[in-house]
Amino acid sequence: MSHKLRSELTLSLPFYQDKLHEETVFRRFTEILAKARANKGAGKPETELKEFEAILTEHQAKGLEEQALEADVLKKTQAAKRRAARRPKAAEQVEPRERPKRAGTAGASRRRVVESDEDE
C-alpha cells in the first residue's frame, strides 16, 4: 500500500467507521483494499494491508453488534408501550366504593353543636 493511499484511508476511516456495518460501505473499502493488494510491489510486505483489513473487520463487527442492540432496545420499547396501552389507567382501575349508610341516619341531617367559652 502506498504511503499516500494508506494515509488517506487512515484519515478517512474515522468518518466511516460507524458506517462499516452497512454492506455497501464495507464492500467499497474491501475493494480499495483489493486494489491496493493488486498494485503493491512483489517485495513489499503485506503487514499494513492486513492491519487495515483487521481494523475494517473490527469496526464492521462493532457496528453490527451496536445495530443489533439498537434493534433489541427498540423492540423492547415498543412491546412495553403496547403493554402500557392495554393496561387500564390507574384512575379507571379503582372503582369508587359507596359508603354503607348507617341505620337510623338515613335522611337525617347532622346537627352542629357549637360550644362557647362564655358563661351564660
PDB file of N, CA and C in Angstrom:
ATOM      1  N   MET A   1       0.873  -1.166   0.000  1.00  0.00           N
ATOM      2  CA  MET A   1       0.000   0.000   0.000  1.00  0.00           C
ATOM      3  C   MET A   1       0.910   1.215   0.000  1.00  0.00           C
ATOM      4  N   SER A   2       0.623   2.136  -0.887  1.00  0.00           N
ATOM      5  CA  SER A   2       1.463   3.328  -0.938  1.00  0.00           C
ATOM      6  C   SER A   2       1.224   4.183   0.295  1.00  0.00           C
ATOM      7  N   HIS A   3       2.227   4.950   0.616  1.00  0.00           N
ATOM      8  CA  HIS A   3       2.126   5.811   1.796  1.00  0.00           C
ATOM      9  C   HIS A   3       0.956   6.780   1.658  1.00  0.00           C
ATOM     10  N   LYS A   4       0.754   7.323   0.435  1.00  0.00           N
ATOM     11  CA  LYS A   4      -0.336   8.275   0.203  1.00  0.00           C
ATOM     12  C   LYS A   4      -1.696   7.609   0.418  1.00  0.00           C
ATOM     13  N   LEU A   5      -1.891   6.422  -0.161  1.00  0.00           N
ATOM     14  CA  LEU A   5      -3.153   5.712  -0.023  1.00  0.00           C
ATOM     15  C   LEU A   5      -3.405   5.341   1.434  1.00  0.00           C
ATOM     16  N   ARG A   6      -2.359   4.851   2.097  1.00  0.00           N
ATOM     17  CA  ARG A   6      -2.505   4.457   3.500  1.00  0.00           C
ATOM     18  C   ARG A   6      -2.912   5.650   4.351  1.00  0.00           C
ATOM     19  N   SER A   7      -2.280   6.792   4.150  1.00  0.00           N
ATOM     20  CA  SER A   7      -2.612   7.964   4.961  1.00  0.00           C
ATOM     21  C   SER A   7      -4.027   8.460   4.642  1.00  0.00           C
ATOM     22  N   GLU A   8      -4.440   8.394   3.368  1.00  0.00           N
ATOM     23  CA  GLU A   8      -5.799   8.808   3.017  1.00  0.00           C
ATOM     24  C   GLU A   8      -6.844   7.891   3.653  1.00  0.00           C
ATOM     25  N   LEU A   9      -6.613   6.608   3.601  1.00  0.00           N
ATOM     26  CA  LEU A   9      -7.550   5.662   4.205  1.00  0.00           C
ATOM     27  C   LEU A   9      -7.578   5.811   5.722  1.00  0.00           C
ATOM     28  N   THR A  10      -6.393   5.988   6.304  1.00  0.00           N
ATOM     29  CA  THR A  10      -6.316   6.146   7.752  1.00  0.00           C
ATOM     30  C   THR A  10      -7.016   7.427   8.190  1.00  0.00           C
ATOM     31  N   LEU A  11      -6.882   8.491   7.425  1.00  0.00           N
ATOM     32  CA  LEU A  11      -7.522   9.752   7.776  1.00  0.00           C
ATOM     33  C   LEU A  11      -9.036   9.705   7.563  1.00  0.00           C
ATOM     34  N   SER A  12      -9.477   8.992   6.542  1.00  0.00           N
ATOM     35  CA  SER A  12     -10.914   8.955   6.256  1.00  0.00           C
ATOM     36  C   SER A  12     -11.670   7.908   7.074  1.00  0.00           C
ATOM     37  N   LEU A  13     -10.980   6.952   7.636  1.00  0.00           N
ATOM     38  CA  LEU A  13     -11.639   5.881   8.374  1.00  0.00           C
ATOM     39  C   LEU A  13     -12.509   6.389   9.525  1.00  0.00           C
ATOM     40  N   PRO A  14     -12.078   7.369  10.326  1.00  0.00           N
ATOM     41  CA  PRO A  14     -12.959   7.831  11.403  1.00  0.00           C
ATOM     42  C   PRO A  14     -14.321   8.343  10.911  1.00  0.00           C
ATOM     43  N   PHE A  15     -14.364   8.849   9.687  1.00  0.00           N
ATOM     44  CA  PHE A  15     -15.628   9.346   9.148  1.00  0.00           C
ATOM     45  C   PHE A  15     -16.561   8.205   8.732  1.00  0.00           C
ATOM     46  N   TYR A  16     -15.995   7.039   8.498  1.00  0.00           N
ATOM     47  CA  TYR A  16     -16.782   5.908   8.007  1.00  0.00           C
ATOM     48  C   TYR A  16     -16.908   4.763   9.000  1.00  0.00           C
ATOM     49  N   GLN A  17     -16.152   4.784  10.079  1.00  0.00           N
ATOM     50  CA  GLN A  17     -16.114   3.609  10.950  1.00  0.00           C
ATOM     51  C   GLN A  17     -17.475   3.249  11.529  1.00  0.00           C
ATOM     52  N   ASP A  18     -18.335   4.231  11.748  1.00  0.00           N
ATOM     53  CA  ASP A  18     -19.664   3.903  12.276  1.00  0.00           C
ATOM     54  C   ASP A  18     -20.630   3.476  11.176  1.00  0.00           C
ATOM     55  N   LYS A  19     -20.150   3.471   9.928  1.00  0.00           N
ATOM     56  CA  LYS A  19     -20.991   3.038   8.798  1.00  0.00           C
ATOM     57  C   LYS A  19     -20.508   1.730   8.188  1.00  0.00           C
ATOM     58  N   LEU A  20     -19.427   1.176   8.709  1.00  0.00           N
ATOM     59  CA  LEU A  20     -18.854  -0.029   8.117  1.00  0.00           C
ATOM     60  C   LEU A  20     -19.743  -1.260   8.264  1.00  0.00           C
ATOM     61  N   HIS A  21     -20.748  -1.202   9.139  1.00  0.00           N
ATOM     62  CA  HIS A  21     -21.676  -2.330   9.238  1.00  0.00           C
ATOM     63  C   HIS A  21     -22.621  -2.379   8.042  1.00  0.00           C
ATOM     64  N   GLU A  22     -22.712  -1.258   7.316  1.00  0.00           N
ATOM     65  CA  GLU A  22     -23.533  -1.242   6.100  1.00  0.00           C
ATOM     66  C   GLU A  22     -22.767  -1.963   4.995  1.00  0.00           C
ATOM     67  N   GLU A  23     -23.434  -2.872   4.356  1.00  0.00           N
ATOM     68  CA  GLU A  23     -22.789  -3.753   3.378  1.00  0.00           C
ATOM     69  C   GLU A  23     -22.083  -2.978   2.255  1.00  0.00           C
ATOM     70  N   THR A  24     -22.736  -1.960   1.724  1.00  0.00           N
ATOM     71  CA  THR A  24     -22.156  -1.209   0.606  1.00  0.00           C
ATOM     72  C   THR A  24     -20.879  -0.491   1.006  1.00  0.00           C
ATOM     73  N   VAL A  25     -20.876   0.141   2.165  1.00  0.00           N
ATOM     74  CA  VAL A  25     -19.694   0.871   2.625  1.00  0.00           C
ATOM     75  C   VAL A  25     -18.544  -0.106   2.852  1.00  0.00           C
ATOM     76  N   PHE A  26     -18.829  -1.220   3.528  1.00  0.00           N
ATOM     77  CA  PHE A  26     -17.780  -2.205   3.781  1.00  0.00           C
ATOM     78  C   PHE A  26     -17.236  -2.766   2.467  1.00  0.00           C
ATOM     79  N   ARG A  27     -18.124  -3.036   1.530  1.00  0.00           N
ATOM     80  CA  ARG A  27     -17.697  -3.575   0.232  1.00  0.00           C
ATOM     81  C   ARG A  27     -16.764  -2.603  -0.484  1.00  0.00           C
ATOM     82  N   ARG A  28     -17.065  -1.310  -0.430  1.00  0.00           N
ATOM     83  CA  ARG A  28     -16.197  -0.319  -1.091  1.00  0.00           C
ATOM     84  C   ARG A  28     -14.802  -0.300  -0.474  1.00  0.00           C
ATOM     85  N   PHE A  29     -14.734  -0.389   0.843  1.00  0.00           N
ATOM     86  CA  PHE A  29     -13.424  -0.409   1.495  1.00  0.00           C
ATOM     87  C   PHE A  29     -12.654  -1.678   1.159  1.00  0.00           C
ATOM     88  N   THR A  30     -13.344  -2.819   1.073  1.00  0.00           N
ATOM     89  CA  THR A  30     -12.635  -4.052   0.715  1.00  0.00           C
ATOM     90  C   THR A  30     -12.188  -4.019  -0.749  1.00  0.00           C
ATOM     91  N   GLU A  31     -12.927  -3.311  -1.602  1.00  0.00           N
ATOM     92  CA  GLU A  31     -12.494  -3.139  -2.995  1.00  0.00           C
ATOM     93  C   GLU A  31     -11.210  -2.310  -3.049  1.00  0.00           C
ATOM     94  N   ILE A  32     -11.158  -1.258  -2.241  1.00  0.00           N
ATOM     95  CA  ILE A  32      -9.946  -0.433  -2.178  1.00  0.00           C
ATOM     96  C   ILE A  32      -8.777  -1.283  -1.686  1.00  0.00           C
ATOM     97  N   LEU A  33      -9.043  -2.107  -0.675  1.00  0.00           N
ATOM     98  CA  LEU A  33      -8.010  -2.979  -0.128  1.00  0.00           C
ATOM     99  C   LEU A  33      -7.526  -3.974  -1.187  1.00  0.00           C
ATOM    100  N   ALA A  34      -8.444  -4.536  -1.960  1.00  0.00           N
ATOM    101  CA  ALA A  34      -8.072  -5.492  -3.016  1.00  0.00           C
ATOM    102  C   ALA A  34      -7.217  -4.811  -4.087  1.00  0.00           C
ATOM    103  N   LYS A  35      -7.583  -3.578  -4.436  1.00  0.00           N
ATOM    104  CA  LYS A  35      -6.783  -2.837  -5.429  1.00  0.00           C
ATOM    105  C   LYS A  35      -5.391  -2.531  -4.882  1.00  0.00           C
ATOM    106  N   ALA A  36      -5.314  -2.200  -3.632  1.00  0.00           N
ATOM    107  CA  ALA A  36      -4.016  -1.929  -3.011  1.00  0.00           C
ATOM    108  C   ALA A  36      -3.149  -3.185  -3.015  1.00  0.00           C
ATOM    109  N   ARG A  37      -3.763  -4.330  -2.764  1.00  0.00           N
ATOM    110  CA  ARG A  37      -3.015  -5.595  -2.792  1.00  0.00           C
ATOM    111  C   ARG A  37      -2.529  -5.902  -4.206  1.00  0.00           C
ATOM    112  N   ALA A  38      -3.376  -5.638  -5.190  1.00  0.00           N
ATOM    113  CA  ALA A  38      -3.014  -5.924  -6.580  1.00  0.00           C
ATOM    114  C   ALA A  38      -1.894  -5.004  -7.062  1.00  0.00           C
ATOM    115  N   ASN A  39      -1.853  -3.782  -6.552  1.00  0.00           N
ATOM    116  CA  ASN A  39      -0.877  -2.806  -7.015  1.00  0.00           C
ATOM    117  C   ASN A  39       0.410  -2.762  -6.185  1.00  0.00           C
ATOM    118  N   LYS A  40       0.460  -3.530  -5.127  1.00  0.00           N
ATOM    119  CA  LYS A  40       1.671  -3.474  -4.297  1.00  0.00           C
ATOM    120  C   LYS A  40       2.790  -4.250  -4.977  1.00  0.00           C
ATOM    121  N   GLY A  41       3.983  -3.831  -4.695  1.00  0.00           N
ATOM    122  CA  GLY A  41       5.152  -4.491  -5.285  1.00  0.00           C
ATOM    123  C   GLY A  41       5.333  -5.886  -4.713  1.00  0.00           C
ATOM    124  N   ALA A  42       5.987  -6.732  -5.468  1.00  0.00           N
ATOM    125  CA  ALA A  42       6.176  -8.127  -5.072  1.00  0.00           C
ATOM    126  C   ALA A  42       7.023  -8.251  -3.816  1.00  0.00           C
ATOM    127  N   GLY A  43       7.951  -7.359  -3.624  1.00  0.00           N
ATOM    128  CA  GLY A  43       8.849  -7.463  -2.475  1.00  0.00           C
ATOM    129  C   GLY A  43       8.340  -6.746  -1.235  1.00  0.00           C
ATOM    130  N   LYS A  44       7.213  -6.039  -1.350  1.00  0.00           N
ATOM    131  CA  LYS A  44       6.708  -5.278  -0.200  1.00  0.00           C
ATOM    132  C   LYS A  44       5.883  -6.176   0.723  1.00  0.00           C
ATOM    133  N   PRO A  45       6.050  -5.988   2.027  1.00  0.00           N
ATOM    134  CA  PRO A  45       5.282  -6.822   2.966  1.00  0.00           C
ATOM    135  C   PRO A  45       3.796  -6.429   2.981  1.00  0.00           C
ATOM    136  N   GLU A  46       2.987  -7.392   3.327  1.00  0.00           N
ATOM    137  CA  GLU A  46       1.540  -7.170   3.349  1.00  0.00           C
ATOM    138  C   GLU A  46       1.050  -6.835   4.765  1.00  0.00           C
ATOM    139  N   THR A  47       1.942  -6.538   5.651  1.00  0.00           N
ATOM    140  CA  THR A  47       1.608  -6.278   7.043  1.00  0.00           C
ATOM    141  C   THR A  47       0.613  -5.136   7.184  1.00  0.00           C
ATOM    142  N   GLU A  48       0.871  -4.025   6.522  1.00  0.00           N
ATOM    143  CA  GLU A  48      -0.027  -2.862   6.624  1.00  0.00           C
ATOM    144  C   GLU A  48      -1.416  -3.171   6.085  1.00  0.00           C
ATOM    145  N   LEU A  49      -1.463  -3.905   5.000  1.00  0.00           N
ATOM    146  CA  LEU A  49      -2.759  -4.261   4.424  1.00  0.00           C
ATOM    147  C   LEU A  49      -3.541  -5.168   5.371  1.00  0.00           C
ATOM    148  N   LYS A  50      -2.856  -6.106   5.993  1.00  0.00           N
ATOM    149  CA  LYS A  50      -3.525  -6.994   6.950  1.00  0.00           C
ATOM    150  C   LYS A  50      -4.009  -6.214   8.165  1.00  0.00           C
ATOM    151  N   GLU A  51      -3.219  -5.256   8.624  1.00  0.00           N
ATOM    152  CA  GLU A  51      -3.627  -4.419   9.760  1.00  0.00           C
ATOM    153  C   GLU A  51      -4.875  -3.616   9.413  1.00  0.00           C
ATOM    154  N   PHE A  52      -4.856  -3.023   8.223  1.00  0.00           N
ATOM    155  CA  PHE A  52      -6.003  -2.220   7.801  1.00  0.00           C
ATOM    156  C   PHE A  52      -7.245  -3.090   7.648  1.00  0.00           C
ATOM    157  N   GLU A  53      -7.069  -4.279   7.097  1.00  0.00           N
ATOM    158  CA  GLU A  53      -8.188  -5.215   6.948  1.00  0.00           C
ATOM    159  C   GLU A  53      -8.742  -5.621   8.318  1.00  0.00           C
ATOM    160  N   ALA A  54      -7.864  -5.841   9.274  1.00  0.00           N
ATOM    161  CA  ALA A  54      -8.304  -6.198  10.629  1.00  0.00           C
ATOM    162  C   ALA A  54      -9.095  -5.048  11.262  1.00  0.00           C
ATOM    163  N   ILE A  55      -8.629  -3.820  11.038  1.00  0.00           N
ATOM    164  CA  ILE A  55      -9.335  -2.644  11.564  1.00  0.00           C
ATOM    165  C   ILE A  55     -10.719  -2.535  10.935  1.00  0.00           C
ATOM    166  N   LEU A  56     -10.802  -2.732   9.628  1.00  0.00           N
ATOM    167  CA  LEU A  56     -12.096  -2.689   8.933  1.00  0.00           C
ATOM    168  C   LEU A  56     -13.057  -3.739   9.499  1.00  0.00           C
ATOM    169  N   THR A  57     -12.556  -4.955   9.632  1.00  0.00           N
ATOM    170  CA  THR A  57     -13.383  -6.049  10.132  1.00  0.00           C
ATOM    171  C   THR A  57     -13.835  -5.785  11.563  1.00  0.00           C
ATOM    172  N   GLU A  58     -12.941  -5.248  12.375  1.00  0.00           N
ATOM    173  CA  GLU A  58     -13.284  -4.940  13.771  1.00  0.00           C
ATOM    174  C   GLU A  58     -14.385  -3.884  13.849  1.00  0.00           C
ATOM    175  N   HIS A  59     -14.259  -2.826  13.045  1.00  0.00           N
ATOM    176  CA  HIS A  59     -15.282  -1.776  13.050  1.00  0.00           C
ATOM    177  C   HIS A  59     -16.608  -2.289  12.489  1.00  0.00           C
ATOM    178  N   GLN A  60     -16.541  -3.166  11.502  1.00  0.00           N
ATOM    179  CA  GLN A  60     -17.760  -3.739  10.952  1.00  0.00           C
ATOM    180  C   GLN A  60     -18.474  -4.570  12.021  1.00  0.00           C
ATOM    181  N   ALA A  61     -17.744  -5.412  12.725  1.00  0.00           N
ATOM    182  CA  ALA A  61     -18.338  -6.256  13.764  1.00  0.00           C
ATOM    183  C   ALA A  61     -18.935  -5.399  14.878  1.00  0.00           C
ATOM    184  N   LYS A  62     -18.227  -4.364  15.266  1.00  0.00           N
ATOM    185  CA  LYS A  62     -18.723  -3.469  16.320  1.00  0.00           C
ATOM    186  C   LYS A  62     -20.018  -2.786  15.871  1.00  0.00           C
ATOM    187  N   GLY A  63     -20.054  -2.331  14.625  1.00  0.00           N
ATOM    188  CA  GLY A  63     -21.248  -1.681  14.088  1.00  0.00           C
ATOM    189  C   GLY A  63     -22.435  -2.622  14.019  1.00  0.00           C
ATOM    190  N   LEU A  64     -22.187  -3.865  13.604  1.00  0.00           N
ATOM    191  CA  LEU A  64     -23.263  -4.858  13.541  1.00  0.00           C
ATOM    192  C   LEU A  64     -23.803  -5.164  14.931  1.00  0.00           C
ATOM    193  N   GLU A  65     -22.902  -5.240  15.909  1.00  0.00           N
ATOM    194  CA  GLU A  65     -23.321  -5.501  17.290  1.00  0.00           C
ATOM    195  C   GLU A  65     -24.166  -4.343  17.820  1.00  0.00           C
ATOM    196  N   GLU A  66     -23.721  -3.110  17.566  1.00  0.00           N
ATOM    197  CA  GLU A  66     -24.478  -1.938  18.014  1.00  0.00           C
ATOM    198  C   GLU A  66     -25.842  -1.872  17.339  1.00  0.00           C
ATOM    199  N   GLN A  67     -25.878  -2.204  16.073  1.00  0.00           N
ATOM    200  CA  GLN A  67     -27.140  -2.203  15.330  1.00  0.00           C
ATOM    201  C   GLN A  67     -28.102  -3.244  15.909  1.00  0.00           C
ATOM    202  N   ALA A  68     -27.590  -4.404  16.269  1.00  0.00           N
ATOM    203  CA  ALA A  68     -28.430  -5.447  16.869  1.00  0.00           C
ATOM    204  C   ALA A  68     -28.952  -4.999  18.237  1.00  0.00           C
ATOM    205  N   LEU A  69     -28.096  -4.343  19.019  1.00  0.00           N
ATOM    206  CA  LEU A  69     -28.536  -3.840  20.325  1.00  0.00           C
ATOM    207  C   LEU A  69     -29.621  -2.782  20.171  1.00  0.00           C
ATOM    208  N   GLU A  70     -29.443  -1.877  19.218  1.00  0.00           N
ATOM    209  CA  GLU A  70     -30.445  -0.839  18.978  1.00  0.00           C
ATOM    210  C   GLU A  70     -31.778  -1.460  18.574  1.00  0.00           C
ATOM    211  N   ALA A  71     -31.732  -2.463  17.729  1.00  0.00           N
ATOM    212  CA  ALA A  71     -32.956  -3.140  17.294  1.00  0.00           C
ATOM    213  C   ALA A  71     -33.630  -3.827  18.478  1.00  0.00           C
ATOM    214  N   ASP A  72     -32.842  -4.425  19.364  1.00  0.00           N
ATOM    215  CA  ASP A  72     -33.389  -5.095  20.540  1.00  0.00           C
ATOM    216  C   ASP A  72     -34.043  -4.085  21.482  1.00  0.00           C
ATOM    217  N   VAL A  73     -33.385  -2.956  21.696  1.00  0.00           N
ATOM    218  CA  VAL A  73     -33.942  -1.913  22.572  1.00  0.00           C
ATOM    219  C   VAL A  73     -35.245  -1.377  21.983  1.00  0.00           C
ATOM    220  N   LEU A  74     -35.255  -1.130  20.679  1.00  0.00           N
ATOM    221  CA  LEU A  74     -36.456  -0.636  20.014  1.00  0.00           C
ATOM    222  C   LEU A  74     -37.603  -1.639  20.150  1.00  0.00           C
ATOM    223  N   LYS A  75     -37.298  -2.899  19.957  1.00  0.00           N
ATOM    224  CA  LYS A  75     -38.312  -3.960  20.068  1.00  0.00           C
ATOM    225  C   LYS A  75     -38.896  -4.004  21.481  1.00  0.00           C
ATOM    226  N   LYS A  76     -38.023  -3.926  22.495  1.00  0.00           N
ATOM    227  CA  LYS A  76     -38.486  -3.966  23.883  1.00  0.00           C
ATOM    228  C   LYS A  76     -39.277  -2.713  24.241  1.00  0.00           C
ATOM    229  N   THR A  77     -38.871  -1.566  23.725  1.00  0.00           N
ATOM    230  CA  THR A  77     -39.596  -0.319  23.987  1.00  0.00           C
ATOM    231  C   THR A  77     -40.993  -0.377  23.383  1.00  0.00           C
ATOM    232  N   GLN A  78     -41.101  -0.862  22.171  1.00  0.00           N
ATOM    233  CA  GLN A  78     -42.403  -0.975  21.525  1.00  0.00           C
ATOM    234  C   GLN A  78     -43.299  -1.962  22.263  1.00  0.00           C
ATOM    235  N   ALA A  79     -42.725  -3.054  22.745  1.00  0.00           N
ATOM    236  CA  ALA A  79     -43.510  -4.036  23.495  1.00  0.00           C
ATOM    237  C   ALA A  79     -44.010  -3.429  24.805  1.00  0.00           C
ATOM    238  N   ALA A  80     -43.163  -2.652  25.462  1.00  0.00           N
ATOM    239  CA  ALA A  80     -43.575  -2.000  26.717  1.00  0.00           C
ATOM    240  C   ALA A  80     -44.689  -0.994  26.461  1.00  0.00           C
ATOM    241  N   LYS A  81     -44.612  -0.270  25.362  1.00  0.00           N
ATOM    242  CA  LYS A  81     -45.664   0.697  25.019  1.00  0.00           C
ATOM    243  C   LYS A  81     -46.982  -0.021  24.747  1.00  0.00           C
ATOM    244  N   ARG A  82     -46.915  -1.156  24.058  1.00  0.00           N
ATOM    245  CA  ARG A  82     -48.135  -1.918  23.783  1.00  0.00           C
ATOM    246  C   ARG A  82     -48.755  -2.432  25.077  1.00  0.00           C
ATOM    247  N   ARG A  83     -47.910  -2.925  25.987  1.00  0.00           N
ATOM    248  CA  ARG A  83     -48.434  -3.404  27.268  1.00  0.00           C
ATOM    249  C   ARG A  83     -49.063  -2.267  28.054  1.00  0.00           C
ATOM    250  N   ALA A  84     -48.427  -1.103  28.046  1.00  0.00           N
ATOM    251  CA  ALA A  84     -48.953   0.052  28.783  1.00  0.00           C
ATOM    252  C   ALA A  84     -50.277   0.516  28.190  1.00  0.00           C
ATOM    253  N   ALA A  85     -50.418   0.430  26.885  1.00  0.00           N
ATOM    254  CA  ALA A  85     -51.657   0.853  26.229  1.00  0.00           C
ATOM    255  C   ALA A  85     -52.813  -0.090  26.557  1.00  0.00           C
ATOM    256  N   ARG A  86     -52.518  -1.358  26.768  1.00  0.00           N
ATOM    257  CA  ARG A  86     -53.564  -2.335  27.095  1.00  0.00           C
ATOM    258  C   ARG A  86     -53.985  -2.247  28.549  1.00  0.00           C
ATOM    259  N   ARG A  87     -53.098  -1.761  29.403  1.00  0.00           N
ATOM    260  CA  ARG A  87     -53.383  -1.661  30.829  1.00  0.00           C
ATOM    261  C   ARG A  87     -54.309  -0.491  31.096  1.00  0.00           C
ATOM    262  N   PRO A  88     -55.357  -0.692  31.927  1.00  0.00           N
ATOM    263  CA  PRO A  88     -56.241   0.438  32.254  1.00  0.00           C
ATOM    264  C   PRO A  88     -55.480   1.467  33.087  1.00  0.00           C
ATOM    265  N   LYS A  89     -55.887   2.697  32.943  1.00  0.00           N
ATOM    266  CA  LYS A  89     -55.265   3.780  33.712  1.00  0.00           C
ATOM    267  C   LYS A  89     -55.533   3.553  35.193  1.00  0.00           C
ATOM    268  N   ALA A  90     -54.686   4.086  36.045  1.00  0.00           N
ATOM    269  CA  ALA A  90     -54.825   3.887  37.495  1.00  0.00           C
ATOM    270  C   ALA A  90     -56.154   4.438  37.993  1.00  0.00           C
ATOM    271  N   ALA A  91     -56.592   5.573  37.475  1.00  0.00           N
ATOM    272  CA  ALA A  91     -57.855   6.171  37.913  1.00  0.00           C
ATOM    273  C   ALA A  91     -59.044   5.320  37.472  1.00  0.00           C
ATOM    274  N   GLU A  92     -58.950   4.699  36.304  1.00  0.00           N
ATOM    275  CA  GLU A  92     -60.046   3.865  35.813  1.00  0.00           C
ATOM    276  C   GLU A  92     -60.061   2.503  36.490  1.00  0.00           C
ATOM    277  N   GLN A  93     -58.919   2.095  36.986  1.00  0.00           N
ATOM    278  CA  GLN A  93     -58.800   0.786  37.572  1.00  0.00           C
ATOM    279  C   GLN A  93     -59.537   0.690  38.904  1.00  0.00           C
ATOM    280  N   VAL A  94     -59.488   1.746  39.706  1.00  0.00           N
ATOM    281  CA  VAL A  94     -60.110   1.739  41.023  1.00  0.00           C
ATOM    282  C   VAL A  94     -61.500   2.336  40.909  1.00  0.00           C
ATOM    283  N   GLU A  95     -62.484   1.509  41.162  1.00  0.00           N
ATOM    284  CA  GLU A  95     -63.858   1.983  41.097  1.00  0.00           C
ATOM    285  C   GLU A  95     -64.222   2.609  42.435  1.00  0.00           C
ATOM    286  N   PRO A  96     -64.917   3.727  42.412  1.00  0.00           N
ATOM    287  CA  PRO A  96     -65.297   4.351  43.687  1.00  0.00           C
ATOM    288  C   PRO A  96     -66.267   3.446  44.428  1.00  0.00           C
ATOM    289  N   ARG A  97     -66.049   3.323  45.730  1.00  0.00           N
ATOM    290  CA  ARG A  97     -66.939   2.489  46.541  1.00  0.00           C
ATOM    291  C   ARG A  97     -67.919   3.383  47.272  1.00  0.00           C
ATOM    292  N   GLU A  98     -69.116   2.898  47.355  1.00  0.00           N
ATOM    293  CA  GLU A  98     -70.118   3.647  48.103  1.00  0.00           C
ATOM    294  C   GLU A  98     -69.985   3.291  49.568  1.00  0.00           C
ATOM    295  N   ARG A  99     -70.116   4.311  50.402  1.00  0.00           N
ATOM    296  CA  ARG A  99     -70.084   4.054  51.844  1.00  0.00           C
ATOM    297  C   ARG A  99     -71.441   3.487  52.273  1.00  0.00           C
ATOM    298  N   PRO A 100     -71.381   2.495  53.111  1.00  0.00           N
ATOM    299  CA  PRO A 100     -72.670   1.959  53.598  1.00  0.00           C
ATOM    300  C   PRO A 100     -73.343   2.995  54.494  1.00  0.00           C
ATOM    301  N   LYS A 101     -74.639   3.097  54.378  1.00  0.00           N
ATOM    302  CA  LYS A 101     -75.386   4.058  55.189  1.00  0.00           C
ATOM    303  C   LYS A 101     -75.644   3.458  56.555  1.00  0.00           C
ATOM    304  N   ARG A 102     -75.525   4.302  57.557  1.00  0.00           N
ATOM    305  CA  ARG A 102     -75.769   3.837  58.917  1.00  0.00           C
ATOM    306  C   ARG A 102     -77.271   3.759  59.165  1.00  0.00           C
ATOM    307  N   ALA A 103     -77.643   2.830  59.950  1.00  0.00           N
ATOM    308  CA  ALA A 103     -79.054   2.652  60.277  1.00  0.00           C
ATOM    309  C   ALA A 103     -79.530   3.822  61.124  1.00  0.00           C
ATOM    310  N   GLY A 104     -80.676   4.365  60.821  1.00  0.00           N
ATOM    311  CA  GLY A 104     -81.257   5.442  61.610  1.00  0.00           C
ATOM    312  C   GLY A 104     -80.778   6.821  61.203  1.00  0.00           C
ATOM    313  N   THR A 105     -79.829   6.911  60.348  1.00  0.00           N
ATOM    314  CA  THR A 105     -79.334   8.236  59.954  1.00  0.00           C
ATOM    315  C   THR A 105     -79.735   8.582  58.535  1.00  0.00           C
ATOM    316  N   ALA A 106     -80.427   7.697  57.895  1.00  0.00           N
ATOM    317  CA  ALA A 106     -80.814   7.952  56.521  1.00  0.00           C
ATOM    318  C   ALA A 106     -81.747   9.148  56.451  1.00  0.00           C
ATOM    319  N   GLY A 107     -81.414  10.130  55.712  1.00  0.00           N
ATOM    320  CA  GLY A 107     -82.250  11.301  55.507  1.00  0.00           C
ATOM    321  C   GLY A 107     -82.151  12.324  56.623  1.00  0.00           C
ATOM    322  N   ALA A 108     -81.583  11.971  57.734  1.00  0.00           N
ATOM    323  CA  ALA A 108     -81.491  12.929  58.847  1.00  0.00           C
ATOM    324  C   ALA A 108     -80.299  13.835  58.605  1.00  0.00           C
ATOM    325  N   SER A 109     -80.486  15.078  58.979  1.00  0.00           N
ATOM    326  CA  SER A 109     -79.367  15.999  58.830  1.00  0.00           C
ATOM    327  C   SER A 109     -78.571  16.023  60.119  1.00  0.00           C
ATOM    328  N   ARG A 110     -77.331  16.302  60.014  1.00  0.00           N
ATOM    329  CA  ARG A 110     -76.483  16.352  61.198  1.00  0.00           C
ATOM    330  C   ARG A 110     -76.589  17.723  61.845  1.00  0.00           C
ATOM    331  N   ARG A 111     -76.638  17.700  63.149  1.00  0.00           N
ATOM    332  CA  ARG A 111     -76.654  18.960  63.866  1.00  0.00           C
ATOM    333  C   ARG A 111     -75.265  19.293  64.303  1.00  0.00           C
ATOM    334  N   ARG A 112     -75.000  20.547  64.226  1.00  0.00           N
ATOM    335  CA  ARG A 112     -73.693  21.014  64.622  1.00  0.00           C
ATOM    336  C   ARG A 112     -73.808  21.654  65.994  1.00  0.00           C
ATOM    337  N   VAL A 113     -72.987  21.211  66.893  1.00  0.00           N
ATOM    338  CA  VAL A 113     -73.017  21.744  68.249  1.00  0.00           C
ATOM    339  C   VAL A 113     -71.819  22.653  68.409  1.00  0.00           C
ATOM    340  N   VAL A 114     -72.101  23.878  68.788  1.00  0.00           N
ATOM    341  CA  VAL A 114     -71.040  24.845  68.984  1.00  0.00           C
ATOM    342  C   VAL A 114     -70.994  25.189  70.448  1.00  0.00           C
ATOM    343  N   GLU A 115     -69.842  24.989  71.041  1.00  0.00           N
ATOM    344  CA  GLU A 115     -69.685  25.330  72.425  1.00  0.00           C
ATOM    345  C   GLU A 115     -69.061  26.696  72.537  1.00  0.00           C
ATOM    346  N   SER A 116     -69.438  27.363  73.554  1.00  0.00           N
ATOM    347  CA  SER A 116     -68.922  28.709  73.756  1.00  0.00           C
ATOM    348  C   SER A 116     -68.124  28.743  75.043  1.00  0.00           C
ATOM    349  N   ASP A 117     -67.123  29.557  75.074  1.00  0.00           N
ATOM    350  CA  ASP A 117     -66.332  29.720  76.285  1.00  0.00           C
ATOM    351  C   ASP A 117     -67.002  30.676  77.278  1.00  0.00           C
ATOM    352  N   GLU A 118     -67.972  31.413  76.812  1.00  0.00           N
ATOM    353  CA  GLU A 118     -68.648  32.384  77.695  1.00  0.00           C
ATOM    354  C   GLU A 118     -69.618  31.678  78.614  1.00  0.00           C
ATOM    355  N   ASP A 119     -69.680  32.140  79.825  1.00  0.00           N
ATOM    356  CA  ASP A 119     -70.682  31.615  80.758  1.00  0.00           C
ATOM    357  C   ASP A 119     -71.975  32.331  80.538  1.00  0.00           C
ATOM    358  N   GLU A 120     -73.051  31.652  80.538  1.00  0.00           N
ATOM    359  CA  GLU A 120     -74.347  32.273  80.327  1.00  0.00           C
ATOM    360  C   GLU A 120     -75.036  32.532  81.594  1.00  0.00           C
TER     361      GLU A 120
END
